């Protein structure tokens, strides 16, 4: 087999691709499958106050470990690191499913504490699943081929967004919530079997030193940031000592991390890579896309359920137009990138369409029909689908194999960081808008005191149950409340359009580089090539 694009997929690469897609499935579906089971988990294990930690613990360890996996794979080889990440994920999954049913631990820890710890362990493994799958894809396929196969990966990601909550709800209702964790085990074992049997990539034989201090500083900075985004405006006020202290830790930790990376010979992330316009630009654009995806997947269901009164068994079905548009253009973009050997045109077009889509979402109101909202979501999804498969391919196209891991994980990390900061930004915007508009409506005599108290208690955590409470207390306030919610969420979507619009400007100045036609590694002959593009882009 040759690394050129005209050589076809080949049996070896086909089997390996299957193993990578299984890993991608594990990493993407676990981000959504747990959501519908959370109330049942809390009800069985107890400890409602710890509900957020089931999600937060997982999110923090994923964010912290993602960039570390990239560097470790560059040092010790992809196969062993990928298998390690899957194994840790499976151990965490099995233990999460057993939470509250382990007699030895039950004597010392309650069920909610157990599942929080095990979810954190699961997140340590999950940090390497998507990152390593896309990195290995960069090893065995040429840059020109990667677009097509990267689009397959993104299709799994999109399908998981819709299918995860559906599957989680079904398993919880028909069997037990524990099955949402146990279902990972056969999938993960199959992925390990395939990768262990067929993936034999070259392992660097030179001696390396690990930047432990850099890893520790990165862990502290990212961990503090994720706590800020998780707790800010919910558990603690934004101006509270706790949030301000964590923000200070984030800033100081980041500054020390950058200083450390500039002074060591083998940094966790070589800062010099950001001198390359493609890498710096794509990481920044990925950050904007992360914020855009968050706005769609988190706040669109809120609007549809509270303002338009749409009902669904889970948020996944509500997002079907968005995800459907994403999957269509994602597939088309991957095929065209491989055929044309170019990516920038799709990145620019996608960022522009996404901006338009989010602007259209900001025009929705109480009179918006379901058809109109679906069309607006579909347009935003079309734009995201053009952008997403191009980002990793663009970065991998301009680095040598020795930096492939850190460069690839930087894209994933930037998107995760965007989502995390997006939680804080959008949450603050929504809370401020609601506070101002509720106060104005109350001063004008349009809302009862009981309604104001219910909305103030809910904050930005809006749901149909909040409207039910208002209907019981002061049913005549519902039309005014829906108008307030619509106007507040419109500002949020308009802010998202501005952020993605900035991403469009970044896409315009990206270098327009042809995609290379040689793979880094020939899987059949196990021969390493110099297929990577030169660093000076």
Protein backbone atom coordinates (compact mmCIF):
# COMPACT_ATOMS: atom_id res chain seq x y z
CA UNK A 1 0.00 0.00 0.00
CA UNK A 2 1.15 3.51 -0.78
CA UNK A 3 0.37 6.62 1.12
CA UNK A 4 -0.94 8.35 -1.95
CA UNK A 5 -4.54 9.18 -2.34
CA UNK A 6 -5.06 7.03 -5.35
CA UNK A 7 -4.14 3.80 -3.60
CA UNK A 8 -7.54 3.11 -2.07
CA UNK A 9 -8.31 2.27 1.52
CA UNK A 10 -6.75 -1.19 1.79
CA UNK A 11 -7.68 -3.95 4.24
CA UNK A 12 -5.22 -2.97 6.98
CA UNK A 13 -6.29 0.66 7.08
CA UNK A 14 -9.97 -0.30 6.81
CA UNK A 15 -9.74 -2.47 9.94
CA UNK A 16 -7.74 0.19 11.82
CA UNK A 17 -10.26 2.85 10.80
CA UNK A 18 -12.98 0.67 12.31
CA UNK A 19 -11.07 0.52 15.60
CA UNK A 20 -10.58 4.30 15.59
CA UNK A 21 -14.28 4.87 14.94
CA UNK A 22 -15.16 2.65 17.90
CA UNK A 23 -12.92 4.82 20.09
CA UNK A 24 -14.54 7.95 18.68
CA UNK A 25 -17.95 6.46 19.46
CA UNK A 26 -16.95 5.85 23.08
CA UNK A 27 -15.58 9.35 23.53
CA UNK A 28 -18.45 11.21 21.87
CA UNK A 29 -21.48 9.28 23.10
CA UNK A 30 -20.42 9.34 26.75
CA UNK A 31 -20.65 13.14 26.70
CA UNK A 32 -24.41 12.91 26.12
CA UNK A 33 -25.68 9.48 27.19
CA UNK A 34 -25.45 10.30 30.90
CA UNK A 35 -27.60 13.46 30.74
CA UNK A 36 -31.03 11.81 30.68
CA UNK A 37 -30.09 9.38 33.45
CA UNK A 38 -28.90 11.98 35.98
CA UNK A 39 -32.22 12.39 37.85
CA UNK A 40 -32.54 8.60 38.20
CA UNK A 41 -28.94 8.25 39.39
CA UNK A 42 -29.42 10.92 42.03
CA UNK A 43 -32.72 9.39 43.10
CA UNK A 44 -31.12 5.99 43.67
CA UNK A 45 -27.78 7.03 45.12
CA UNK A 46 -28.98 10.12 46.99
CA UNK A 47 -27.21 13.43 47.42
CA UNK A 48 -28.93 15.93 45.13
CA UNK A 49 -26.41 18.61 46.02
CA UNK A 50 -23.68 16.56 44.34
CA UNK A 51 -25.54 16.22 41.03
CA UNK A 52 -23.33 18.66 39.13
CA UNK A 53 -20.18 16.83 40.19
CA UNK A 54 -21.12 13.78 38.10
CA UNK A 55 -20.67 16.00 35.05
CA UNK A 56 -18.04 18.41 36.39
CA UNK A 57 -15.57 15.73 37.55
CA UNK A 58 -15.66 14.08 34.12
CA UNK A 59 -15.35 17.40 32.28
CA UNK A 60 -12.34 18.55 34.31
CA UNK A 61 -10.28 15.38 33.85
CA UNK A 62 -11.06 15.24 30.12
CA UNK A 63 -9.91 18.85 29.63
CA UNK A 64 -6.76 18.38 31.71
CA UNK A 65 -5.59 15.12 30.14
CA UNK A 66 -6.33 15.85 26.45
CA UNK A 67 -3.16 17.89 25.76
CA UNK A 68 -1.05 15.51 27.86
CA UNK A 69 -2.03 12.53 25.70
CA UNK A 70 -0.72 14.32 22.63
CA UNK A 71 2.76 14.74 24.06
CA UNK A 72 2.88 11.23 25.55
CA UNK A 73 1.92 9.69 22.21
CA UNK A 74 4.71 11.62 20.49
CA UNK A 75 7.16 10.14 23.02
CA UNK A 76 5.95 6.59 23.60
CA UNK A 77 3.98 5.86 20.44
CA UNK A 78 0.30 6.09 19.53
CA UNK A 79 -0.79 2.47 19.93
CA UNK A 80 0.17 1.95 23.56
CA UNK A 81 -1.19 5.36 24.63
CA UNK A 82 -4.47 4.82 22.76
CA UNK A 83 -4.93 1.37 24.29
CA UNK A 84 -4.10 2.81 27.71
CA UNK A 85 -6.72 5.53 27.37
CA UNK A 86 -9.40 3.02 26.35
CA UNK A 87 -8.46 0.69 29.22
CA UNK A 88 -8.67 3.49 31.81
CA UNK A 89 -11.99 4.59 30.33
CA UNK A 90 -13.39 1.06 30.59
CA UNK A 91 -12.24 0.64 34.20
CA UNK A 92 -13.89 3.96 35.03
CA UNK A 93 -17.06 2.88 33.20
CA UNK A 94 -17.27 -0.44 35.03
CA UNK A 95 -16.72 1.17 38.42
CA UNK A 96 -19.24 3.95 37.65
CA UNK A 97 -21.83 1.27 36.91
CA UNK A 98 -21.06 -0.42 40.22
CA UNK A 99 -21.30 2.78 42.28
CA UNK A 100 -23.21 2.17 45.49
CA UNK A 101 -23.00 -1.60 45.02
CA UNK A 102 -19.43 -2.11 46.23
CA UNK A 103 -19.70 -3.29 49.88
CA UNK A 104 -16.11 -2.47 50.81
CA UNK A 105 -16.40 1.12 49.58
CA UNK A 106 -19.92 1.59 50.92
CA UNK A 107 -18.51 1.52 54.44
CA UNK A 108 -16.46 4.66 53.74
CA UNK A 109 -18.06 6.50 50.77
CA UNK A 110 -21.67 7.09 49.79
CA UNK A 111 -22.86 6.22 46.28
CA UNK A 112 -22.70 9.78 44.91
CA UNK A 113 -19.13 10.23 46.08
CA UNK A 114 -18.19 6.93 44.47
CA UNK A 115 -19.69 7.77 41.09
CA UNK A 116 -18.06 11.21 41.16
CA UNK A 117 -14.61 9.67 41.70
CA UNK A 118 -15.19 6.97 39.08
CA UNK A 119 -16.47 9.52 36.56
CA UNK A 120 -13.25 11.47 37.09
CA UNK A 121 -11.30 8.27 36.38
CA UNK A 122 -13.43 7.69 33.29
CA UNK A 123 -12.61 11.22 32.15
CA UNK A 124 -8.87 10.54 32.43
CA UNK A 125 -9.30 7.82 29.83
CA UNK A 126 -11.78 9.80 27.74
CA UNK A 127 -9.25 12.59 27.31
CA UNK A 128 -7.29 10.35 24.95
CA UNK A 129 -10.14 8.73 23.01
CA UNK A 130 -11.05 11.39 20.45
CA UNK A 131 -7.62 13.03 20.50
CA UNK A 132 -5.74 9.80 19.82
CA UNK A 133 -8.24 8.59 17.22
CA UNK A 134 -7.75 11.74 15.14
CA UNK A 135 -3.97 11.69 15.69
CA UNK A 136 -3.63 8.09 14.49
CA UNK A 137 -5.78 9.01 11.52
CA UNK A 138 -3.11 11.59 10.73
CA UNK A 139 -0.44 8.89 10.88
CA UNK A 140 -1.95 6.36 8.48
CA UNK A 141 -3.65 8.66 5.95
CA UNK A 142 -2.13 11.40 3.83
CA UNK A 143 -3.37 14.95 4.49
CA UNK A 144 -5.41 14.83 1.30
CA UNK A 145 -7.08 11.55 2.29
CA UNK A 146 -7.75 12.66 5.86
CA UNK A 147 -10.62 14.95 4.95
CA UNK A 148 -12.77 12.06 3.80
CA UNK A 149 -12.06 9.85 6.79
CA UNK A 150 -12.15 12.72 9.27
CA UNK A 151 -15.68 13.42 8.06
CA UNK A 152 -16.63 9.84 8.98
CA UNK A 153 -15.37 10.53 12.49
CA UNK A 154 -17.42 13.71 12.69
CA UNK A 155 -20.51 11.82 11.51
CA UNK A 156 -20.16 9.59 14.58
CA UNK A 157 -19.81 12.69 16.74
CA UNK A 158 -23.00 14.18 15.28
CA UNK A 159 -24.97 10.94 15.56
CA UNK A 160 -23.89 10.59 19.19
CA UNK A 161 -25.19 14.07 19.99
CA UNK A 162 -28.69 12.97 18.98
CA UNK A 163 -28.50 9.27 19.78
CA UNK A 164 -26.73 9.50 23.15
CA UNK A 165 -29.62 10.97 25.15
CA UNK A 166 -32.09 8.68 23.36
CA UNK A 167 -30.05 5.58 24.19
CA UNK A 168 -29.41 6.74 27.75
CA UNK A 169 -33.11 7.31 28.37
CA UNK A 170 -34.06 3.96 26.86
CA UNK A 171 -31.49 1.97 28.86
CA UNK A 172 -32.50 3.74 32.06
CA UNK A 173 -36.22 3.19 31.52
CA UNK A 174 -36.06 -0.39 30.23
CA UNK A 175 -33.21 -1.74 32.36
CA UNK A 176 -31.15 0.35 34.76
CA UNK A 177 -29.02 3.48 34.59
CA UNK A 178 -25.98 1.29 35.24
CA UNK A 179 -26.21 -0.04 31.68
CA UNK A 180 -25.24 3.37 30.27
CA UNK A 181 -21.78 2.63 31.66
CA UNK A 182 -21.68 -1.10 31.06
CA UNK A 183 -22.47 -0.66 27.35
CA UNK A 184 -19.03 0.92 26.92
CA UNK A 185 -17.23 -2.29 27.85
CA UNK A 186 -17.87 -4.50 24.77
CA UNK A 187 -17.29 -1.52 22.44
CA UNK A 188 -14.02 -0.64 24.17
CA UNK A 189 -12.74 -4.22 24.23
CA UNK A 190 -13.43 -4.52 20.50
CA UNK A 191 -11.49 -1.29 19.86
CA UNK A 192 -8.51 -2.51 21.92
CA UNK A 193 -8.51 -5.86 20.11
CA UNK A 194 -8.44 -4.19 16.69
CA UNK A 195 -5.80 -1.61 17.57
CA UNK A 196 -3.56 -4.12 19.37
CA UNK A 197 -3.74 -6.61 16.51
CA UNK A 198 -3.44 -4.34 13.49
CA UNK A 199 -1.92 -1.00 14.48
CA UNK A 200 1.87 -1.17 14.60
CA UNK A 201 3.16 2.38 14.22
CA UNK A 202 6.83 3.37 14.55
CA UNK A 203 7.86 4.29 18.09
CA UNK A 204 10.56 6.95 18.61
CA UNK A 205 13.72 5.25 19.85
CA UNK A 206 15.46 8.32 21.26
CA UNK A 207 15.47 9.18 24.94
CA UNK A 208 12.98 11.81 26.08
CA UNK A 209 12.39 13.78 29.25
CA UNK A 210 8.89 14.56 30.44
CA UNK A 211 8.10 18.08 31.57
CA UNK A 212 6.39 17.14 34.84
CA UNK A 213 6.28 20.72 36.10
CA UNK A 214 4.64 21.88 32.88
CA UNK A 215 2.08 19.08 33.14
CA UNK A 216 1.32 20.05 36.75
CA UNK A 217 0.93 23.74 35.90
CA UNK A 218 -1.35 22.91 32.98
CA UNK A 219 -3.45 20.66 35.22
CA UNK A 220 -3.83 23.40 37.83
CA UNK A 221 -4.66 26.13 35.28
CA UNK A 222 -7.19 24.09 33.30
CA UNK A 223 -8.74 22.52 36.39
CA UNK A 224 -9.27 25.94 37.98
CA UNK A 225 -10.74 27.29 34.74
CA UNK A 226 -13.22 24.43 34.46
CA UNK A 227 -14.32 25.01 38.07
CA UNK A 228 -14.87 28.69 37.26
CA UNK A 229 -17.07 27.81 34.30
CA UNK A 230 -18.94 25.11 36.25
CA UNK A 231 -19.52 27.02 39.50
CA UNK A 232 -19.72 30.62 38.32
CA UNK A 233 -23.26 31.96 38.53
CA UNK A 234 -24.62 28.66 39.90
CA UNK A 235 -22.97 27.46 43.09
CA UNK A 236 -21.18 30.78 43.70
CA UNK A 237 -21.77 34.31 42.45
CA UNK A 238 -19.36 35.55 39.76
CA UNK A 239 -18.00 38.21 42.11
CA UNK A 240 -17.58 35.77 45.02
CA UNK A 241 -14.22 35.14 46.66
CA UNK A 242 -14.27 31.51 45.49
CA UNK A 243 -14.73 32.35 41.78
CA UNK A 244 -12.33 35.29 41.82
CA UNK A 245 -9.75 33.11 43.58
CA UNK A 246 -10.10 30.33 41.02
CA UNK A 247 -9.85 32.91 38.21
CA UNK A 248 -6.61 34.19 39.73
CA UNK A 249 -5.26 30.63 39.94
CA UNK A 250 -6.16 30.16 36.26
CA UNK A 251 -4.34 33.31 35.15
CA UNK A 252 -1.24 32.71 37.29
CA UNK A 253 -1.12 29.02 36.37
CA UNK A 254 -1.39 29.83 32.65
CA UNK A 255 1.38 32.45 32.85
CA UNK A 256 3.69 30.04 34.70
CA UNK A 257 2.87 27.26 32.23
CA UNK A 258 3.81 29.43 29.23
CA UNK A 259 7.04 30.48 30.97
CA UNK A 260 7.88 26.87 31.75
CA UNK A 261 7.19 25.72 28.19
CA UNK A 262 9.47 28.43 26.77
CA UNK A 263 12.41 27.44 28.95
CA UNK A 264 12.47 23.61 28.73
CA UNK A 265 13.89 21.53 25.88
CA UNK A 266 10.89 19.18 25.60
CA UNK A 267 7.74 21.07 26.55
CA UNK A 268 4.29 19.53 26.92
CA UNK A 269 3.18 21.92 24.19
CA UNK A 270 5.88 23.63 22.09
CA UNK A 271 4.81 27.29 22.16
CA UNK A 272 6.85 27.83 18.99
CA UNK A 273 4.19 25.94 17.04
CA UNK A 274 1.88 28.91 17.57
CA UNK A 275 4.23 31.02 15.48
CA UNK A 276 2.83 29.17 12.50
CA UNK A 277 -0.21 30.98 11.17
CA UNK A 278 -2.09 27.79 10.34
CA UNK A 279 -1.78 26.32 13.84
CA UNK A 280 -2.47 29.57 15.71
CA UNK A 281 -5.38 30.42 13.42
CA UNK A 282 -6.98 26.98 13.52
CA UNK A 283 -6.69 26.74 17.31
CA UNK A 284 -8.36 30.15 17.63
CA UNK A 285 -11.07 29.15 15.15
CA UNK A 286 -11.59 25.85 16.98
CA UNK A 287 -12.07 27.86 20.17
CA UNK A 288 -14.81 29.90 18.46
CA UNK A 289 -16.45 26.74 17.09
CA UNK A 290 -16.44 25.28 20.60
CA UNK A 291 -18.41 28.27 21.82
CA UNK A 292 -20.76 28.00 18.84
CA UNK A 293 -21.44 24.31 19.40
CA UNK A 294 -22.14 24.98 23.07
CA UNK A 295 -24.72 27.64 22.24
CA UNK A 296 -26.51 25.24 19.92
CA UNK A 297 -26.50 22.13 22.06
CA UNK A 298 -27.13 23.81 25.43
CA UNK A 299 -29.42 26.78 24.91
CA UNK A 300 -31.45 25.90 21.83
CA UNK A 301 -33.38 23.21 23.74
CA UNK A 302 -34.06 25.79 26.46
CA UNK A 303 -35.59 28.17 23.91
CA UNK A 304 -37.57 25.47 22.14
CA UNK A 305 -39.00 24.00 25.33
CA UNK A 306 -39.69 27.16 27.37
CA UNK A 307 -40.56 29.74 24.71
CA UNK A 308 -42.05 27.67 21.88
CA UNK A 309 -43.42 24.94 24.14
CA UNK A 310 -41.98 22.10 22.08
CA UNK A 311 -41.82 18.76 23.84
CA UNK A 312 -39.36 15.93 23.39
CA UNK A 313 -38.20 13.00 25.45
CA UNK A 314 -34.72 14.50 25.40
CA UNK A 315 -32.73 17.41 24.06
CA UNK A 316 -31.12 15.24 21.38
CA UNK A 317 -34.30 15.05 19.31
CA UNK A 318 -34.81 18.80 19.58
CA UNK A 319 -31.37 19.30 18.02
CA UNK A 320 -32.06 17.01 15.07
CA UNK A 321 -32.21 19.87 12.46
CA UNK A 322 -28.91 21.31 13.72
CA UNK A 323 -27.14 17.95 13.78
CA UNK A 324 -28.72 16.89 10.49
CA UNK A 325 -27.32 19.95 8.72
CA UNK A 326 -23.93 19.38 10.33
CA UNK A 327 -23.78 15.75 9.20
CA UNK A 328 -24.71 16.56 5.58
CA UNK A 329 -22.07 19.21 4.95
CA UNK A 330 -19.53 17.37 7.08
CA UNK A 331 -19.75 14.36 4.76
CA UNK A 332 -19.70 16.48 1.60
CA UNK A 333 -16.75 18.57 2.82
CA UNK A 334 -14.68 15.50 3.61
CA UNK A 335 -15.21 14.07 0.15
CA UNK A 336 -14.46 17.36 -1.61
CA UNK A 337 -11.31 18.01 0.44
CA UNK A 338 -9.90 14.66 -0.69
CA UNK A 339 -10.90 15.28 -4.31
CA UNK A 340 -9.68 18.89 -4.56
CA UNK A 341 -6.74 18.81 -2.14
CA UNK A 342 -7.87 22.09 -0.54
CA UNK A 343 -9.58 23.00 2.71
CA UNK A 344 -9.60 26.78 3.26
CA UNK A 345 -12.60 27.48 1.02
CA UNK A 346 -14.74 25.17 3.14
CA UNK A 347 -13.50 26.70 6.40
CA UNK A 348 -14.34 30.23 5.25
CA UNK A 349 -17.70 29.24 3.78
CA UNK A 350 -18.66 27.30 6.89
CA UNK A 351 -17.76 30.10 9.29
CA UNK A 352 -19.80 32.56 7.19
CA UNK A 353 -22.87 30.29 7.06
CA UNK A 354 -22.64 29.55 10.80
CA UNK A 355 -22.57 33.29 11.54
CA UNK A 356 -25.69 33.79 9.42
CA UNK A 357 -27.36 30.83 11.11
CA UNK A 358 -26.73 32.19 14.59
CA UNK A 359 -27.98 35.61 13.55
CA UNK A 360 -31.20 33.99 12.33
CA UNK A 361 -31.50 32.18 15.67
CA UNK A 362 -31.25 35.57 17.41
CA UNK A 363 -34.37 36.75 15.54
CA UNK A 364 -36.60 34.05 17.04
CA UNK A 365 -39.42 35.06 19.32
CA UNK A 366 -42.67 33.85 20.82
CA UNK A 367 -44.35 33.89 17.39
CA UNK A 368 -41.63 31.80 15.70
CA UNK A 369 -42.98 28.57 14.24
CA UNK A 370 -41.41 25.16 14.62
CA UNK A 371 -40.64 25.14 10.89
CA UNK A 372 -38.81 28.46 11.10
CA UNK A 373 -36.75 27.41 14.11
CA UNK A 374 -35.85 24.13 12.38
CA UNK A 375 -34.71 25.99 9.24
CA UNK A 376 -32.55 28.37 11.29
CA UNK A 377 -30.98 25.44 13.18
CA UNK A 378 -30.39 23.58 9.93
CA UNK A 379 -28.53 26.57 8.45
CA UNK A 380 -26.31 26.87 11.53
CA UNK A 381 -25.63 23.14 11.35
CA UNK A 382 -24.70 23.37 7.67
CA UNK A 383 -22.06 25.96 8.54
CA UNK A 384 -20.58 23.96 11.40
CA UNK A 385 -20.43 20.90 9.17
CA UNK A 386 -18.28 22.75 6.64
CA UNK A 387 -15.83 23.90 9.32
CA UNK A 388 -15.35 20.97 11.69
CA UNK A 389 -13.62 18.37 9.45
CA UNK A 390 -11.17 20.96 8.09
CA UNK A 391 -9.56 22.07 11.35
CA UNK A 392 -7.62 18.97 12.39
CA UNK A 393 -6.64 18.25 8.78
CA UNK A 394 -5.28 21.79 8.37
CA UNK A 395 -3.06 21.54 11.46
CA UNK A 396 -1.81 18.04 10.67
CA UNK A 397 -0.89 19.22 7.18
CA UNK A 398 1.82 21.60 8.45
CA UNK A 399 3.63 19.60 11.16
CA UNK A 400 6.22 16.86 11.17
CA UNK A 401 5.27 13.51 12.66
CA UNK A 402 7.22 14.17 15.86
CA UNK A 403 4.77 17.00 16.68
CA UNK A 404 1.63 15.39 15.24
CA UNK A 405 0.24 14.40 18.64
CA UNK A 406 0.58 17.78 20.36
CA UNK A 407 -0.63 19.67 17.28
CA UNK A 408 -3.71 17.48 16.88
CA UNK A 409 -4.68 17.57 20.55
CA UNK A 410 -4.29 21.36 20.55
CA UNK A 411 -7.31 21.55 18.22
CA UNK A 412 -9.40 19.27 20.45
CA UNK A 413 -8.24 21.14 23.56
CA UNK A 414 -9.06 24.55 22.04
CA UNK A 415 -12.57 23.38 21.19
CA UNK A 416 -13.05 22.03 24.73
CA UNK A 417 -11.70 25.28 26.18
CA UNK A 418 -14.12 27.24 24.00
CA UNK A 419 -17.01 25.17 25.27
CA UNK A 420 -15.91 25.63 28.88
CA UNK A 421 -15.49 29.39 28.61
CA UNK A 422 -18.69 29.53 26.57
CA UNK A 423 -20.56 28.13 29.56
CA UNK A 424 -19.37 31.07 31.63
CA UNK A 425 -19.89 33.72 28.94
CA UNK A 426 -23.35 32.60 27.83
CA UNK A 427 -24.46 31.88 31.37
CA UNK A 428 -23.44 35.38 32.46
CA UNK A 429 -25.12 36.98 29.44
CA UNK A 430 -28.36 35.10 30.03
CA UNK A 431 -28.42 35.83 33.77
CA UNK A 432 -27.76 39.55 33.25
CA UNK A 433 -30.38 39.85 30.51
CA UNK A 434 -32.99 38.00 32.56
CA UNK A 435 -32.28 40.08 35.66
CA UNK A 436 -32.61 43.39 33.82
CA UNK A 437 -35.72 42.43 31.85
CA UNK A 438 -37.49 40.84 34.83
CA UNK A 439 -36.80 43.96 36.92
CA UNK A 440 -38.17 46.20 34.16
CA UNK A 441 -41.30 44.10 33.71
CA UNK A 442 -41.91 44.02 37.47
CA UNK A 443 -41.44 47.79 37.76
CA UNK A 444 -43.97 48.24 34.95
CA UNK A 445 -46.48 46.11 36.85
CA UNK A 446 -46.44 43.31 34.26
CA UNK A 447 -45.23 40.55 36.62
CA UNK A 448 -46.30 39.39 40.07
CA UNK A 449 -43.85 39.17 42.96
CA UNK A 450 -44.20 35.37 43.06
CA UNK A 451 -43.15 35.12 39.41
CA UNK A 452 -40.08 37.26 40.02
CA UNK A 453 -39.08 35.06 42.96
CA UNK A 454 -39.44 31.85 40.92
CA UNK A 455 -37.38 33.26 38.03
CA UNK A 456 -34.73 34.64 40.39
CA UNK A 457 -34.37 31.26 42.07
CA UNK A 458 -34.02 29.49 38.72
CA UNK A 459 -31.36 31.90 37.42
CA UNK A 460 -30.13 30.66 34.04
CA UNK A 461 -31.29 27.08 34.79
CA UNK A 462 -34.52 27.41 32.83
CA UNK A 463 -36.87 24.52 32.06
CA UNK A 464 -40.56 23.78 31.47
CA UNK A 465 -40.86 22.99 35.19
CA UNK A 466 -40.07 26.63 35.97
CA UNK A 467 -42.98 27.71 33.76
CA UNK A 468 -45.23 25.16 35.46
CA UNK A 469 -44.48 26.75 38.84
CA UNK A 470 -45.25 30.20 37.45
CA UNK A 471 -48.50 28.94 35.92
CA UNK A 472 -49.58 27.63 39.32
CA UNK A 473 -48.65 30.86 41.10
CA UNK A 474 -49.67 33.46 38.50
CA UNK A 475 -50.84 31.94 35.21
CA UNK A 476 -51.46 35.33 33.60
CA UNK A 477 -47.73 36.08 33.69
CA UNK A 478 -46.78 33.28 31.27
CA UNK A 479 -46.98 35.35 28.02
CA UNK A 480 -44.82 38.10 29.54
CA UNK A 481 -42.33 35.56 30.91
CA UNK A 482 -42.00 33.87 27.52
CA UNK A 483 -41.32 37.25 25.94
CA UNK A 484 -38.63 37.98 28.53
CA UNK A 485 -37.03 34.58 27.97
CA UNK A 486 -37.10 34.98 24.19
CA UNK A 487 -35.51 38.44 24.26
CA UNK A 488 -32.81 37.30 26.69
CA UNK A 489 -31.92 34.19 24.68
CA UNK A 490 -31.88 36.25 21.47
CA UNK A 491 -29.06 38.37 22.92
CA UNK A 492 -27.23 35.17 23.74
CA UNK A 493 -27.53 33.84 20.16
CA UNK A 494 -26.50 37.24 18.78
CA UNK A 495 -23.39 37.10 20.98
CA UNK A 496 -22.70 33.65 19.54
CA UNK A 497 -23.02 35.09 16.02
CA UNK A 498 -20.46 37.77 16.90
CA UNK A 499 -18.00 35.18 18.24
CA UNK A 500 -18.39 32.90 15.23
CA UNK A 501 -18.19 35.99 13.00
CA UNK A 502 -14.79 36.70 14.51
CA UNK A 503 -13.90 33.10 13.64
CA UNK A 504 -14.88 33.90 10.05
CA UNK A 505 -12.33 36.74 9.99
CA UNK A 506 -9.70 34.34 11.34
CA UNK A 507 -10.57 31.82 8.60
CA UNK A 508 -10.07 34.50 5.94
CA UNK A 509 -6.40 34.98 6.88
CA UNK A 510 -5.52 31.28 7.17
CA UNK A 511 -2.76 30.23 4.73
CA UNK A 512 -4.16 28.48 1.66
CA UNK A 513 -1.92 25.40 1.51
CA UNK A 514 -2.41 22.34 -0.67
CA UNK A 515 -3.00 19.10 1.22
CA UNK A 516 -0.07 16.67 1.02
CA UNK A 517 -0.45 13.29 -0.67
CA UNK A 518 1.90 11.11 1.40
CA UNK A 519 1.02 9.46 4.68
CA UNK A 520 3.47 9.61 7.60
CA UNK A 521 3.33 5.83 8.01
CA UNK A 522 2.72 3.04 5.51
CA UNK A 523 0.70 0.54 7.54
CA UNK A 524 1.38 -2.37 5.19
CA UNK A 525 5.17 -1.98 5.12
CA UNK A 526 5.47 -0.17 8.47
CA UNK A 527 7.80 2.29 6.82
CA UNK A 528 7.93 5.87 7.99
CA UNK A 529 7.96 8.63 5.39
CA UNK A 530 8.42 12.37 5.39
CA UNK A 531 4.84 12.97 4.33
CA UNK A 532 4.25 15.87 6.71
CA UNK A 533 4.22 19.37 5.31
CA UNK A 534 7.12 21.67 6.28
CA UNK A 535 6.71 23.67 9.45
CA UNK A 536 7.28 27.06 7.81
CA UNK A 537 3.81 27.60 6.35
